[in-house]
Protein backbone atom coordinates (compact mmCIF):
# COMPACT_ATOMS: atom_id res chain seq x y z
CA MET A 1 19.90 -22.79 46.79
CA ARG A 2 22.71 -20.38 45.88
CA LYS A 3 24.34 -21.23 42.59
CA PRO A 4 27.46 -23.15 43.61
CA ASN A 5 30.89 -22.08 42.46
CA VAL A 6 32.80 -24.75 40.55
CA ILE A 7 36.56 -25.30 40.60
CA TYR A 8 37.69 -28.08 38.26
CA ILE A 9 41.34 -29.13 38.66
CA LEU A 10 42.54 -31.39 35.85
CA ALA A 11 45.94 -33.04 36.25
CA ASP A 12 47.85 -33.97 33.11
CA ASP A 13 48.79 -37.67 32.87
CA MET A 14 48.27 -38.54 36.54
CA GLY A 15 47.46 -42.19 37.04
CA TYR A 16 44.81 -43.73 39.27
CA GLY A 17 47.57 -45.11 41.48
CA ASP A 18 49.24 -41.72 42.01
CA VAL A 19 46.77 -40.73 44.74
CA SER A 20 47.70 -42.51 47.95
CA ALA A 21 44.06 -42.71 49.11
CA PHE A 22 43.34 -44.72 45.94
CA ASN A 23 46.40 -46.95 46.19
CA GLU A 24 47.37 -48.83 49.34
CA ARG A 25 50.78 -49.49 47.76
CA CYS A 26 51.44 -45.93 46.65
CA GLY A 27 55.15 -45.14 46.81
CA PHE A 28 54.50 -41.74 48.40
CA GLN A 29 51.75 -39.92 50.28
CA THR A 30 49.52 -37.25 48.70
CA PRO A 31 48.24 -35.54 51.87
CA CYS A 32 46.16 -32.82 50.23
CA LEU A 33 44.36 -35.18 47.86
CA ASP A 34 43.84 -37.65 50.69
CA GLU A 35 42.28 -34.85 52.74
CA LEU A 36 39.99 -34.04 49.80
CA CYS A 37 38.90 -37.69 49.79
CA ARG A 38 38.07 -37.48 53.49
CA GLU A 39 36.06 -34.32 52.91
CA GLY A 40 34.29 -35.43 49.73
CA MET A 41 33.51 -38.42 47.53
CA SER A 42 36.03 -40.68 45.80
CA PHE A 43 35.00 -42.36 42.55
CA TYR A 44 36.66 -45.73 41.99
CA ASP A 45 35.21 -46.42 38.53
CA ALA A 46 35.65 -43.02 36.87
CA HIS A 47 36.98 -42.66 33.33
CA SER A 48 38.18 -40.14 30.82
CA THR A 49 36.64 -40.73 27.41
CA SER A 50 40.06 -41.22 25.86
CA ALA A 51 43.50 -42.48 26.83
CA VAL A 52 45.06 -39.23 25.61
CA CYS A 53 44.53 -35.59 26.48
CA THR A 54 43.03 -33.57 23.61
CA PRO A 55 39.97 -35.81 23.16
CA SER A 56 39.46 -36.08 26.92
CA ARG A 57 39.43 -32.29 27.25
CA TYR A 58 37.04 -31.95 24.35
CA SER A 59 34.61 -34.31 26.10
CA ILE A 60 34.88 -32.61 29.48
CA LEU A 61 34.04 -29.20 28.02
CA THR A 62 31.46 -30.17 25.40
CA GLY A 63 29.74 -33.19 26.93
CA GLN A 64 30.37 -35.05 23.66
CA TYR A 65 32.73 -37.76 22.51
CA CYS A 66 35.66 -36.28 20.62
CA TRP A 67 35.37 -38.75 17.76
CA ARG A 68 32.26 -36.77 16.79
CA SER A 69 34.66 -33.94 15.92
CA MET A 70 37.31 -33.82 13.20
CA LEU A 71 39.80 -35.52 15.54
CA LYS A 72 39.41 -39.28 15.17
CA LYS A 73 42.67 -40.32 16.86
CA ASP A 74 45.83 -38.95 18.47
CA VAL A 75 46.14 -35.40 19.90
CA LEU A 76 46.68 -31.86 18.65
CA GLN A 77 49.99 -30.02 18.65
CA GLY A 78 50.60 -26.45 19.79
CA TYR A 79 50.13 -24.87 16.37
CA ASP A 80 47.03 -26.83 15.35
CA LYS A 81 43.63 -25.32 14.65
CA PRO A 82 40.59 -25.52 16.98
CA ILE A 83 38.48 -28.65 17.08
CA ILE A 84 35.55 -27.32 19.14
CA GLU A 85 33.15 -26.25 16.44
CA GLU A 86 31.65 -22.73 16.58
CA ASN A 87 28.13 -24.05 17.07
CA THR A 88 29.12 -26.49 19.84
CA SER A 89 28.25 -25.30 23.33
CA THR A 90 30.72 -25.80 26.16
CA VAL A 91 30.05 -26.22 29.86
CA ALA A 92 31.72 -22.83 30.34
CA GLY A 93 29.32 -21.20 27.89
CA PHE A 94 26.39 -22.93 29.56
CA LEU A 95 27.46 -21.56 32.95
CA GLN A 96 27.97 -18.10 31.45
CA ARG A 97 24.32 -18.17 30.43
CA GLN A 98 23.41 -19.00 34.04
CA GLY A 99 25.20 -15.89 35.31
CA TYR A 100 28.63 -17.34 36.10
CA ARG A 101 32.05 -15.77 35.62
CA THR A 102 34.20 -18.33 33.83
CA ALA A 103 37.97 -18.74 33.61
CA CYS A 104 40.37 -21.24 32.07
CA ILE A 105 43.88 -21.11 33.52
CA GLY A 106 46.40 -23.63 32.25
CA LYS A 107 46.85 -26.03 29.37
CA TRP A 108 44.23 -25.55 26.62
CA HIS A 109 45.26 -28.18 24.02
CA LEU A 110 42.10 -27.86 21.94
CA GLY A 111 43.56 -25.80 19.12
CA LEU A 112 43.97 -22.10 18.34
CA ASN A 113 44.01 -19.98 15.21
CA TRP A 114 47.40 -18.30 15.25
CA ALA A 115 47.97 -15.31 12.97
CA LEU A 116 50.38 -16.46 10.26
CA ARG A 117 52.84 -14.59 8.11
CA ASN A 118 52.47 -17.34 5.50
CA GLU A 119 49.14 -19.18 5.34
CA GLU A 120 50.89 -22.21 3.86
CA ASP A 121 53.17 -22.57 6.89
CA LYS A 122 51.45 -23.11 10.25
CA TYR A 123 54.73 -22.45 12.07
CA SER A 124 55.13 -18.91 10.66
CA VAL A 125 53.30 -17.33 13.59
CA ASP A 126 53.10 -13.56 13.96
CA PHE A 127 53.14 -13.35 17.76
CA THR A 128 52.38 -9.61 17.68
CA LYS A 129 48.82 -10.29 16.51
CA PRO A 130 45.79 -11.66 18.38
CA VAL A 131 45.22 -15.40 18.80
CA ALA A 132 41.78 -16.27 17.44
CA ASP A 133 39.16 -18.90 18.33
CA GLY A 134 40.58 -19.69 21.74
CA PRO A 135 38.90 -20.17 25.12
CA THR A 136 37.40 -16.66 25.22
CA VAL A 137 35.17 -17.51 22.27
CA ARG A 138 34.38 -20.95 23.67
CA GLY A 139 32.61 -19.81 26.83
CA PHE A 140 35.38 -18.42 29.02
CA ASP A 141 35.46 -14.81 30.19
CA TYR A 142 39.16 -15.10 30.95
CA PHE A 143 42.02 -17.28 29.76
CA TYR A 144 45.60 -17.47 30.87
CA GLY A 145 47.74 -20.38 29.85
CA ILE A 146 49.55 -22.25 27.12
CA SER A 147 48.41 -23.65 23.81
CA ALA A 148 49.15 -27.34 24.41
CA SER A 149 51.37 -29.60 26.53
CA LEU A 150 54.44 -28.22 28.25
CA ASP A 151 56.67 -30.15 25.84
CA MET A 152 54.97 -28.71 22.73
CA PRO A 153 55.92 -25.33 21.23
CA PRO A 154 55.27 -22.48 21.10
CA TYR A 155 56.30 -21.78 24.68
CA VAL A 156 54.42 -18.57 25.35
CA TYR A 157 51.80 -17.54 27.87
CA ILE A 158 48.54 -16.39 26.31
CA GLU A 159 46.27 -13.99 28.19
CA ASN A 160 42.83 -13.92 26.59
CA ASP A 161 43.86 -13.50 22.92
CA ARG A 162 47.40 -12.07 23.20
CA VAL A 163 50.76 -13.53 24.13
CA SER A 164 52.05 -11.98 27.34
CA ALA A 165 55.58 -11.57 25.95
CA LEU A 166 57.10 -12.09 22.53
CA PRO A 167 59.52 -14.98 22.00
CA ASP A 168 63.14 -13.95 22.37
CA ARG A 169 64.87 -17.29 21.89
CA ILE A 170 64.61 -20.83 20.54
CA GLU A 171 65.06 -23.62 23.08
CA SER A 172 64.77 -27.37 23.34
CA ASN A 173 65.71 -30.21 25.63
CA GLU A 174 65.48 -33.12 23.26
CA TRP A 175 66.07 -36.85 23.62
CA GLU A 176 69.30 -38.01 25.14
CA ARG A 177 71.62 -40.13 23.04
CA GLY A 178 70.67 -43.76 22.87
CA ASN A 179 67.34 -45.07 24.06
CA SER A 180 67.20 -43.49 27.53
CA TYR A 181 64.37 -41.08 28.22
CA ASN A 182 65.12 -37.50 29.14
CA LYS A 183 62.49 -36.63 31.75
CA LYS A 184 63.08 -32.92 31.13
CA MET A 185 62.56 -33.23 27.38
CA PHE A 186 60.65 -30.60 25.45
CA ARG A 187 60.61 -30.09 21.69
CA GLN A 188 62.44 -27.26 20.00
CA GLY A 189 60.48 -24.05 19.60
CA PRO A 190 60.20 -20.32 20.31
CA VAL A 191 60.13 -19.30 23.97
CA GLY A 192 58.52 -16.14 25.35
CA LYS A 193 60.69 -13.66 27.20
CA ASP A 194 58.71 -14.30 30.43
CA PHE A 195 58.53 -18.10 30.03
CA ARG A 196 60.51 -20.65 32.04
CA HIS A 197 59.36 -24.25 31.89
CA GLU A 198 60.21 -24.96 35.51
CA GLU A 199 58.11 -21.99 36.69
CA VAL A 200 54.89 -22.73 34.80
CA LEU A 201 53.03 -24.82 37.37
CA GLU A 202 53.45 -22.40 40.26
CA HIS A 203 52.75 -19.45 37.96
CA LEU A 204 49.40 -20.96 36.99
CA LEU A 205 48.56 -21.36 40.67
CA GLU A 206 49.32 -17.69 41.28
CA LYS A 207 47.03 -16.65 38.43
CA THR A 208 44.29 -18.93 39.74
CA MET A 209 44.46 -17.49 43.25
CA HIS A 210 44.29 -13.97 41.80
CA VAL A 211 41.13 -14.78 39.85
CA LEU A 212 39.53 -16.45 42.88
CA GLU A 213 40.17 -13.32 44.96
CA LEU A 214 38.65 -11.10 42.27
CA TRP A 215 35.54 -13.22 41.77
CA LYS A 216 34.84 -14.56 45.27
CA GLY A 217 31.66 -12.50 45.62
CA GLU A 218 29.85 -13.95 42.58
CA PRO A 219 29.24 -17.40 41.11
CA PHE A 220 32.33 -18.58 39.25
CA PHE A 221 33.60 -21.53 37.25
CA VAL A 222 37.37 -21.91 37.29
CA TYR A 223 38.74 -24.63 35.03
CA LEU A 224 42.37 -25.32 35.99
CA PRO A 225 44.00 -27.78 33.57
CA LEU A 226 47.46 -28.30 35.06
CA THR A 227 50.59 -28.96 33.02
CA ALA A 228 51.81 -31.72 35.36
CA PRO A 229 52.85 -34.41 36.03
CA HIS A 230 53.13 -34.59 32.22
CA GLY A 231 56.70 -34.08 30.98
CA PRO A 232 58.93 -32.21 31.10
CA ILE A 233 59.13 -33.43 34.69
CA LEU A 234 60.40 -30.38 36.56
CA PRO A 235 59.78 -30.35 40.30
CA THR A 236 61.02 -27.19 41.97
CA ALA A 237 63.84 -27.27 44.51
CA GLU A 238 61.30 -27.37 47.35
CA PHE A 239 59.94 -30.68 46.04
CA GLU A 240 63.10 -32.38 44.78
CA GLY A 241 63.40 -35.69 46.61
CA LYS A 242 60.23 -35.06 48.64
CA SER A 243 58.41 -38.17 47.41
CA GLY A 244 61.27 -40.51 48.25
CA THR A 245 60.90 -42.02 44.76
CA THR A 246 61.71 -40.35 41.43
CA GLU A 247 61.30 -36.87 39.96
CA TYR A 248 57.90 -38.02 38.77
CA GLY A 249 56.74 -38.66 42.34
CA ASP A 250 58.08 -35.25 43.34
CA PHE A 251 56.11 -33.63 40.50
CA VAL A 252 52.93 -35.41 41.60
CA LEU A 253 53.41 -33.87 45.03
CA MET A 254 53.53 -30.41 43.44
CA CYS A 255 50.09 -31.12 41.97
CA ASP A 256 48.96 -32.29 45.38
CA MET A 257 50.17 -29.00 46.87
CA ILE A 258 48.11 -27.00 44.39
CA VAL A 259 44.95 -28.86 45.41
CA GLY A 260 45.78 -28.16 49.04
CA LYS A 261 46.33 -24.44 48.46
CA ILE A 262 42.96 -24.08 46.75
CA ASN A 263 41.15 -26.15 49.36
CA GLU A 264 42.74 -24.04 52.13
CA TRP A 265 41.66 -20.84 50.35
CA LEU A 266 38.03 -22.03 50.23
CA LYS A 267 38.11 -22.74 53.96
CA ALA A 268 39.74 -19.41 54.81
CA HIS A 269 37.07 -17.53 52.83
CA HIS A 270 34.18 -19.63 54.15
CA LEU A 271 33.30 -20.81 50.66
CA GLU A 272 33.32 -24.58 51.19
CA GLU A 273 29.54 -24.82 51.33
CA ASP A 274 29.18 -22.68 48.22
CA THR A 275 31.80 -24.40 46.07
CA ILE A 276 32.07 -27.71 44.22
CA LEU A 277 35.75 -28.65 44.17
CA ILE A 278 36.68 -31.36 41.67
CA PHE A 279 40.01 -33.04 41.10
CA THR A 280 40.74 -35.55 38.36
CA SER A 281 43.14 -36.42 35.52
CA ASP A 282 42.77 -36.29 31.75
CA ASN A 283 43.97 -39.89 31.24
CA GLY A 284 46.17 -42.52 32.79
CA GLY A 285 49.81 -42.14 33.74
CA ALA A 286 52.36 -41.90 30.96
CA PRO A 287 54.61 -44.95 30.47
CA ARG A 288 57.52 -42.58 29.80
CA ALA A 289 57.17 -41.41 33.42
CA ASN A 290 59.56 -44.33 33.93
CA TYR A 291 57.33 -47.05 35.32
CA PRO A 292 60.23 -49.56 35.72
CA GLU A 293 62.15 -47.04 37.85
CA LEU A 294 59.05 -46.32 39.96
CA ALA A 295 58.46 -50.05 40.36
CA GLN A 296 61.68 -50.24 42.36
CA TYR A 297 59.83 -48.23 44.99
CA GLY A 298 56.76 -50.46 44.76
CA HIS A 299 54.84 -47.77 42.91
CA ASN A 300 52.62 -48.24 39.84
CA PRO A 301 50.79 -45.13 38.51
CA SER A 302 48.23 -47.50 36.95
CA TYR A 303 47.61 -49.22 40.31
CA ILE A 304 46.43 -52.79 39.54
CA PHE A 305 45.11 -51.94 36.09
CA ARG A 306 46.50 -53.09 32.77
CA GLY A 307 48.13 -50.59 30.47
CA ALA A 308 48.78 -46.87 30.74
CA LYS A 309 48.24 -43.65 28.82
CA PHE A 310 47.55 -44.29 25.12
CA ASP A 311 45.96 -47.73 25.75
CA ILE A 312 42.41 -49.00 25.49
CA PHE A 313 43.02 -51.00 28.66
CA GLU A 314 41.85 -49.63 32.03
CA GLY A 315 45.20 -48.05 32.87
CA GLY A 316 44.74 -45.73 29.90
CA HIS A 317 41.49 -44.12 30.99
CA ARG A 318 40.51 -45.14 34.55
CA ILE A 319 41.51 -42.10 36.57
CA PRO A 320 41.18 -40.67 40.08
CA LEU A 321 38.10 -38.50 40.57
CA ILE A 322 37.32 -36.68 43.81
CA VAL A 323 34.39 -34.31 44.34
CA LYS A 324 33.90 -32.17 47.44
CA TRP A 325 30.83 -30.06 48.18
CA LYS A 326 30.43 -29.45 51.87
CA ASN A 327 26.98 -30.32 53.31
CA GLN A 328 25.88 -31.66 49.91
CA ILE A 329 28.25 -34.60 49.42
CA CYS A 330 28.83 -36.98 52.30
CA PRO A 331 32.43 -36.63 53.55
CA GLY A 332 34.58 -39.72 53.20
CA SER A 333 32.10 -41.39 50.87
CA VAL A 334 32.95 -43.68 47.96
CA SER A 335 31.19 -44.43 44.68
CA LYS A 336 31.96 -47.64 42.83
CA SER A 337 29.53 -46.90 40.01
CA MET A 338 30.75 -46.24 36.50
CA THR A 339 31.00 -42.56 35.60
CA SER A 340 32.66 -40.44 32.93
CA LEU A 341 34.41 -37.07 33.06
CA MET A 342 32.12 -36.15 30.17
CA ASP A 343 29.23 -36.15 32.66
CA LEU A 344 30.22 -32.79 34.21
CA TYR A 345 28.01 -30.80 31.81
CA ALA A 346 24.78 -32.71 32.46
CA THR A 347 25.49 -32.94 36.19
CA LEU A 348 25.81 -29.16 36.56
CA ALA A 349 22.65 -28.65 34.50
CA ASP A 350 20.88 -31.07 36.85
CA ILE A 351 22.12 -29.20 39.94
CA LEU A 352 21.03 -25.86 38.48
CA GLU A 353 17.70 -27.38 37.35
CA VAL A 354 18.22 -26.26 33.76
CA THR A 355 16.92 -28.33 30.86
CA LEU A 356 19.52 -28.66 28.12
CA GLU A 357 18.56 -27.97 24.53
CA GLU A 358 18.24 -30.84 22.07
CA GLY A 359 21.71 -31.91 20.95
CA GLU A 360 23.47 -29.97 23.71
CA ALA A 361 26.04 -32.09 25.56
CA LYS A 362 24.44 -35.05 23.80
CA ASP A 363 26.66 -37.71 25.37
CA SER A 364 26.74 -36.33 28.92
CA VAL A 365 24.74 -38.07 31.66
CA SER A 366 24.05 -36.50 35.05
CA ALA A 367 26.00 -38.07 37.91
CA TYR A 368 24.25 -35.92 40.53
CA SER A 369 22.43 -38.90 42.02
CA LEU A 370 25.82 -40.54 42.62
CA TRP A 371 27.05 -37.38 44.30
CA LYS A 372 24.03 -37.59 46.61
CA GLY A 373 24.83 -41.18 47.56
CA ALA A 374 22.92 -43.39 45.12
CA LYS A 375 24.57 -46.77 44.63
CA GLU A 376 23.76 -46.86 40.94
CA GLY A 377 23.86 -43.96 38.50
CA LYS A 378 21.98 -43.18 35.31
CA ARG A 379 24.80 -44.12 32.97
CA GLN A 380 24.38 -47.62 31.54
CA TYR A 381 27.11 -47.59 28.88
CA MET A 382 30.34 -45.76 28.27
CA ILE A 383 32.45 -45.63 25.13
CA LEU A 384 36.23 -45.36 25.41
CA HIS A 385 38.92 -44.53 22.88
CA SER A 386 42.67 -45.15 22.53
CA VAL A 387 45.38 -43.06 20.89
CA ASN A 388 45.15 -44.92 17.57
CA GLY A 389 41.35 -44.59 17.44
CA SER A 390 40.43 -48.04 18.74
CA PHE A 391 37.08 -48.26 20.52
CA SER A 392 35.81 -50.09 23.53
CA ILE A 393 32.45 -50.01 25.28
CA ARG A 394 31.65 -50.63 28.94
CA ASN A 395 28.63 -51.40 31.00
CA ASP A 396 28.71 -52.14 34.73
CA LYS A 397 29.75 -55.76 34.23
CA TRP A 398 31.48 -56.07 30.85
CA LYS A 399 33.99 -54.36 28.60
CA LEU A 400 34.18 -55.07 24.87
CA ILE A 401 37.36 -53.96 23.07
CA MET A 402 37.19 -53.61 19.30
CA CYS A 403 40.82 -54.55 18.61
CA PRO A 404 43.06 -57.53 19.45
CA ASP A 405 45.79 -55.38 21.03
CA SER A 406 46.37 -52.41 23.34
CA GLY A 407 45.36 -49.79 20.78
CA GLY A 408 48.27 -47.83 22.17
CA LYS A 409 51.83 -48.35 23.36
CA SER A 410 51.63 -51.28 25.77
CA ASN A 411 51.97 -54.93 24.85
CA PRO A 412 50.55 -56.33 22.73
CA LEU A 413 51.30 -53.47 20.37
CA PRO A 414 49.08 -52.91 17.34
CA GLY A 415 50.21 -55.31 14.65
CA ASP A 416 52.00 -57.65 17.06
CA VAL A 417 49.11 -59.99 17.84
CA PRO A 418 49.25 -63.51 16.34
CA SER A 419 46.75 -64.04 13.53
CA HIS A 420 44.96 -66.85 15.37
CA PHE A 421 43.97 -64.53 18.25
CA PRO A 422 40.39 -63.16 18.29
CA ASP A 423 39.90 -59.78 16.63
CA ARG A 424 38.10 -58.45 19.72
CA GLN A 425 38.44 -58.72 23.48
CA LEU A 426 35.80 -59.12 26.19
CA TYR A 427 36.52 -58.84 29.90
CA SER A 428 34.37 -59.26 32.97
CA MET A 429 34.76 -56.13 35.07
CA ASP A 430 33.46 -57.98 38.12
CA GLU A 431 35.84 -60.91 37.95
CA ASP A 432 38.73 -59.67 35.82
CA VAL A 433 39.21 -55.92 36.16
CA ARG A 434 42.91 -56.48 35.38
CA GLU A 435 41.85 -57.63 31.89
CA ARG A 436 43.85 -60.84 31.84
CA LYS A 437 41.38 -63.38 30.41
CA ASN A 438 39.68 -62.64 27.11
CA VAL A 439 36.30 -64.42 27.23
CA ILE A 440 35.02 -63.21 23.85
CA THR A 441 34.35 -66.71 22.54
CA ALA A 442 32.38 -67.74 25.64
CA HIS A 443 29.86 -64.88 25.60
CA PRO A 444 28.65 -64.08 22.08
CA GLU A 445 25.41 -62.65 23.48
CA ILE A 446 27.31 -60.01 25.50
CA GLU A 447 29.42 -59.12 22.47
CA GLU A 448 26.26 -58.72 20.39
CA GLU A 449 24.57 -56.46 22.96
CA LEU A 450 27.53 -54.15 23.43
CA LEU A 451 28.39 -54.07 19.74
CA LYS A 452 24.86 -52.96 18.82
CA VAL A 453 24.98 -50.04 21.27
CA LEU A 454 28.42 -49.04 20.02
CA VAL A 455 27.44 -49.14 16.34
CA ASP A 456 24.23 -47.20 16.97
CA CYS A 457 26.11 -44.52 18.85
CA VAL A 458 29.10 -44.18 16.54
CA ALA A 459 27.83 -45.05 13.06
CA GLY A 460 24.28 -43.95 13.78
CA ASP A 461 25.40 -40.72 15.48
CA VAL A 462 22.89 -41.08 18.29
CA SER A 463 23.30 -40.48 22.00
CA ILE A 464 24.14 -43.49 24.08
CA PRO A 465 21.09 -44.98 25.84
CA VAL A 466 20.67 -44.31 29.56
């Protein structure tokens, strides 16, 4: 079998319910993503390892839980240092060793070593000097993108290890007065001469199409971490009002368009059979995307699930996942088995029939059997993480949460739970996927089983059993 190309499109803060094929009550239609579902496999129980973006991205690329790194909670900012250790292999590096060309185009958000004028001040960046320890020393032949989220400075494009244009101004679009949320908000910081926030998403698509044209004759891995629909929410004029809901819905449709453009390109170049096309999101939808306003249109980015981005509840980390590989994956198929975005690394090794070295991608489990139609996969357990570092652990039937609250920004907030409530939560994923009834006191044997696996994996630093 020819080594398949891989295109991995990662939306930023897109909820499970933002894909109309996943949500019968979706407030708008996502035609390109729905087409991808018809042509590939939809995963209804897929999860990011964390409810926020930096740790999720770490897990996708390394095949390891991010809490094994220096980052135990929260996310990085645009000036922060790298968290992928020098001796940690990435899926991009693995594919390089198998003869692939590899590119990352988009939001990195895993840290960079900026050249500083003053080593004591991480904001004193000398933008004329190379950017060290970025994607091109973490397995990627080519990088074009931004350091972190679109609302985090510095606002400069980086190509490989250089900024494409020096900053020529300081800009911000901060919070509005009062408590209302400014959907176009981005923090104050230096802006490159060639950088316009509202142009970033389409610019990344242009760069991606250019790389695909250059590399179409050889095996390639293109990792496309989008900057949307994360804020600032900036749909272009073409998409304003297109969703019939809010600016957020319009921005989701821009992401949908990008998927469609890439899928169309594969068809036009007769590369569908030779390419694995993956679409997913780094975590659940952001509550600041104005859920109450969207609710007026009957739309919930979290679908039926409790919570949202930041939370340990399902809405924080259950995400849409669609995989298309013509003549290898049954079109229009559905998997209801539990799977993790972290499983990309082991799955590609399985497809390429390469045995991973000891300790490489230690937490990744191949999902290839699911891709081929198996009803049950190899993964028995899955550990999940919230923004404040709270843990939970899943198996097919149960979910144990190691805190009495959301672990994030939904109710009940950390610290707001009455003292007489249990310290932990247990939910039946078969009977109560909305996580409404905590049955921790009724099933001590389930708590004991899941707790042992969690402690062994986290405190014992061992791979999760499969």
